[in-house]
Amino acid sequence: MLGYMARDQFGNTFHLGNVKYPRRALLMALGGTKATPMFVDTDYGSKQVGWVIKGHWCKVYEVHELKAK
């Protein structure tokens, strides 16, 4: 894995790098002090997909290298 990136509801992207704690890196990028978990509903319940920080609804993604076959 190369790292994490986040995208908010406005289309802004935040490249968090290869960090152990993406929540902490996102808080630093947005200048926030607290984060509320953001969930989506699935067929089998709900799952966390990111955090809400200072009015930004950030969905977090893992970044992987594309490998040719």
N, C-alpha and C. Protein backbone atom coordinates (compact mmCIF):
# COMPACT_ATOMS: atom_id res chain seq x y z
N MET A 1 0.85 -1.18 0.00
CA MET A 1 0.00 0.00 0.00
C MET A 1 0.89 1.25 0.00
N LEU A 2 0.52 2.21 -0.81
CA LEU A 2 1.29 3.45 -0.90
C LEU A 2 0.87 4.48 0.14
N GLY A 3 -0.36 4.41 0.61
CA GLY A 3 -0.81 5.38 1.61
C GLY A 3 -2.32 5.57 1.56
N TYR A 4 -2.75 6.73 2.05
CA TYR A 4 -4.17 7.07 2.11
C TYR A 4 -4.42 8.41 1.44
N MET A 5 -5.64 8.56 0.95
CA MET A 5 -6.10 9.87 0.48
C MET A 5 -7.55 10.02 0.89
N ALA A 6 -7.98 11.25 1.02
CA ALA A 6 -9.37 11.52 1.41
C ALA A 6 -9.96 12.51 0.41
N ARG A 7 -11.26 12.43 0.25
CA ARG A 7 -11.99 13.34 -0.63
C ARG A 7 -13.23 13.82 0.11
N ASP A 8 -13.47 15.14 0.11
CA ASP A 8 -14.64 15.67 0.81
C ASP A 8 -15.79 15.89 -0.16
N GLN A 9 -16.90 16.39 0.37
CA GLN A 9 -18.11 16.56 -0.43
C GLN A 9 -17.98 17.65 -1.47
N PHE A 10 -16.97 18.50 -1.37
CA PHE A 10 -16.75 19.57 -2.33
C PHE A 10 -15.80 19.16 -3.45
N GLY A 11 -15.25 17.94 -3.37
CA GLY A 11 -14.32 17.46 -4.38
C GLY A 11 -12.86 17.74 -4.05
N ASN A 12 -12.59 18.32 -2.89
CA ASN A 12 -11.20 18.56 -2.49
C ASN A 12 -10.55 17.24 -2.12
N THR A 13 -9.28 17.07 -2.48
CA THR A 13 -8.56 15.86 -2.12
C THR A 13 -7.44 16.19 -1.14
N PHE A 14 -7.20 15.27 -0.24
CA PHE A 14 -6.15 15.40 0.76
C PHE A 14 -5.29 14.16 0.70
N HIS A 15 -4.04 14.31 0.29
CA HIS A 15 -3.11 13.19 0.19
C HIS A 15 -2.42 13.05 1.54
N LEU A 16 -2.71 11.95 2.22
CA LEU A 16 -2.26 11.77 3.59
C LEU A 16 -0.94 11.03 3.68
N GLY A 17 -0.51 10.41 2.62
CA GLY A 17 0.76 9.70 2.62
C GLY A 17 0.66 8.34 3.28
N ASN A 18 1.79 7.70 3.45
CA ASN A 18 1.84 6.37 4.06
C ASN A 18 1.98 6.54 5.57
N VAL A 19 0.85 6.66 6.25
CA VAL A 19 0.82 6.91 7.68
C VAL A 19 0.15 5.74 8.39
N LYS A 20 0.42 5.62 9.67
CA LYS A 20 -0.19 4.55 10.46
C LYS A 20 -1.62 4.92 10.87
N TYR A 21 -1.85 6.21 11.12
CA TYR A 21 -3.16 6.67 11.58
C TYR A 21 -3.70 7.74 10.62
N PRO A 22 -4.53 7.36 9.64
CA PRO A 22 -5.05 8.34 8.67
C PRO A 22 -5.93 9.40 9.32
N ARG A 23 -6.62 9.06 10.41
CA ARG A 23 -7.47 10.04 11.09
C ARG A 23 -6.64 11.20 11.61
N ARG A 24 -5.53 10.88 12.24
CA ARG A 24 -4.65 11.91 12.79
C ARG A 24 -4.08 12.80 11.66
N ALA A 25 -3.67 12.18 10.55
CA ALA A 25 -3.14 12.95 9.43
C ALA A 25 -4.21 13.86 8.82
N LEU A 26 -5.44 13.37 8.75
CA LEU A 26 -6.54 14.18 8.21
C LEU A 26 -6.88 15.34 9.14
N LEU A 27 -6.84 15.10 10.44
CA LEU A 27 -7.06 16.18 11.40
C LEU A 27 -6.00 17.26 11.23
N MET A 28 -4.75 16.87 11.05
CA MET A 28 -3.67 17.85 10.86
C MET A 28 -3.85 18.60 9.55
N ALA A 29 -4.27 17.91 8.48
CA ALA A 29 -4.46 18.55 7.18
C ALA A 29 -5.58 19.59 7.21
N LEU A 30 -6.61 19.33 8.00
CA LEU A 30 -7.76 20.24 8.07
C LEU A 30 -7.69 21.19 9.25
N GLY A 31 -6.72 21.02 10.13
CA GLY A 31 -6.59 21.88 11.28
C GLY A 31 -7.67 21.65 12.32
N GLY A 32 -8.16 20.42 12.40
CA GLY A 32 -9.21 20.11 13.36
C GLY A 32 -8.67 19.47 14.63
N THR A 33 -9.54 19.36 15.62
CA THR A 33 -9.15 18.73 16.88
C THR A 33 -10.01 17.52 17.21
N LYS A 34 -11.18 17.38 16.55
CA LYS A 34 -12.01 16.20 16.79
C LYS A 34 -12.62 15.73 15.47
N ALA A 35 -12.84 14.42 15.40
CA ALA A 35 -13.39 13.81 14.20
C ALA A 35 -14.56 12.91 14.58
N THR A 36 -15.64 13.02 13.84
CA THR A 36 -16.81 12.18 14.04
C THR A 36 -16.83 11.12 12.95
N PRO A 37 -16.98 9.84 13.30
CA PRO A 37 -17.00 8.80 12.28
C PRO A 37 -18.15 8.99 11.30
N MET A 38 -17.90 8.67 10.04
CA MET A 38 -18.92 8.76 8.99
C MET A 38 -19.22 7.34 8.50
N PHE A 39 -20.48 6.97 8.48
CA PHE A 39 -20.89 5.62 8.12
C PHE A 39 -21.78 5.64 6.88
N VAL A 40 -21.81 4.50 6.16
CA VAL A 40 -22.76 4.29 5.07
C VAL A 40 -23.51 3.00 5.35
N ASP A 41 -24.73 2.92 4.86
CA ASP A 41 -25.52 1.71 5.02
C ASP A 41 -25.17 0.72 3.92
N THR A 42 -25.11 -0.56 4.30
CA THR A 42 -24.89 -1.63 3.35
C THR A 42 -26.02 -2.64 3.50
N ASP A 43 -26.01 -3.69 2.70
CA ASP A 43 -27.04 -4.73 2.81
C ASP A 43 -26.94 -5.47 4.14
N TYR A 44 -25.77 -5.45 4.75
CA TYR A 44 -25.54 -6.23 5.97
C TYR A 44 -25.35 -5.36 7.20
N GLY A 45 -25.74 -4.13 7.15
CA GLY A 45 -25.59 -3.23 8.29
C GLY A 45 -24.98 -1.92 7.83
N SER A 46 -23.99 -1.45 8.56
CA SER A 46 -23.32 -0.21 8.19
C SER A 46 -21.82 -0.38 8.37
N LYS A 47 -21.05 0.48 7.69
CA LYS A 47 -19.60 0.43 7.84
C LYS A 47 -19.05 1.84 7.80
N GLN A 48 -17.94 2.04 8.49
CA GLN A 48 -17.31 3.35 8.52
C GLN A 48 -16.50 3.56 7.25
N VAL A 49 -16.66 4.74 6.62
CA VAL A 49 -15.94 5.04 5.39
C VAL A 49 -15.07 6.28 5.53
N GLY A 50 -15.15 6.99 6.65
CA GLY A 50 -14.35 8.19 6.82
C GLY A 50 -14.74 8.94 8.07
N TRP A 51 -14.46 10.25 8.05
CA TRP A 51 -14.73 11.10 9.21
C TRP A 51 -15.28 12.44 8.77
N VAL A 52 -16.03 13.07 9.67
CA VAL A 52 -16.52 14.43 9.48
C VAL A 52 -15.65 15.33 10.36
N ILE A 53 -14.94 16.27 9.72
CA ILE A 53 -14.04 17.16 10.44
C ILE A 53 -14.28 18.59 9.96
N LYS A 54 -14.66 19.46 10.88
CA LYS A 54 -14.86 20.89 10.59
C LYS A 54 -15.73 21.12 9.35
N GLY A 55 -16.84 20.39 9.23
CA GLY A 55 -17.76 20.58 8.13
C GLY A 55 -17.37 19.88 6.84
N HIS A 56 -16.28 19.15 6.84
CA HIS A 56 -15.85 18.37 5.68
C HIS A 56 -16.20 16.91 5.91
N TRP A 57 -17.02 16.35 5.01
CA TRP A 57 -17.39 14.95 5.08
C TRP A 57 -16.38 14.18 4.24
N CYS A 58 -15.34 13.67 4.88
CA CYS A 58 -14.20 13.07 4.17
C CYS A 58 -14.31 11.56 4.10
N LYS A 59 -14.35 11.05 2.87
CA LYS A 59 -14.30 9.62 2.63
C LYS A 59 -12.84 9.26 2.40
N VAL A 60 -12.34 8.25 3.10
CA VAL A 60 -10.92 7.91 3.06
C VAL A 60 -10.72 6.66 2.21
N TYR A 61 -9.68 6.69 1.36
CA TYR A 61 -9.35 5.59 0.47
C TYR A 61 -7.92 5.12 0.71
N GLU A 62 -7.69 3.81 0.56
CA GLU A 62 -6.33 3.28 0.53
C GLU A 62 -5.80 3.40 -0.89
N VAL A 63 -4.54 3.78 -1.03
CA VAL A 63 -3.93 3.92 -2.36
C VAL A 63 -2.97 2.75 -2.56
N HIS A 64 -3.17 2.02 -3.65
CA HIS A 64 -2.33 0.87 -3.99
C HIS A 64 -1.69 1.08 -5.36
N GLU A 65 -0.54 0.48 -5.54
CA GLU A 65 0.15 0.56 -6.81
C GLU A 65 -0.55 -0.37 -7.82
N LEU A 66 -0.70 0.11 -9.05
CA LEU A 66 -1.28 -0.69 -10.11
C LEU A 66 -0.18 -1.56 -10.69
N LYS A 67 -0.37 -2.87 -10.66
CA LYS A 67 0.65 -3.79 -11.15
C LYS A 67 0.18 -4.44 -12.44
N ALA A 68 1.05 -4.45 -13.44
CA ALA A 68 0.72 -5.08 -14.71
C ALA A 68 0.81 -6.59 -14.58
N LYS A 69 0.01 -7.27 -15.34
CA LYS A 69 0.00 -8.75 -15.29
C LYS A 69 1.06 -9.32 -16.17
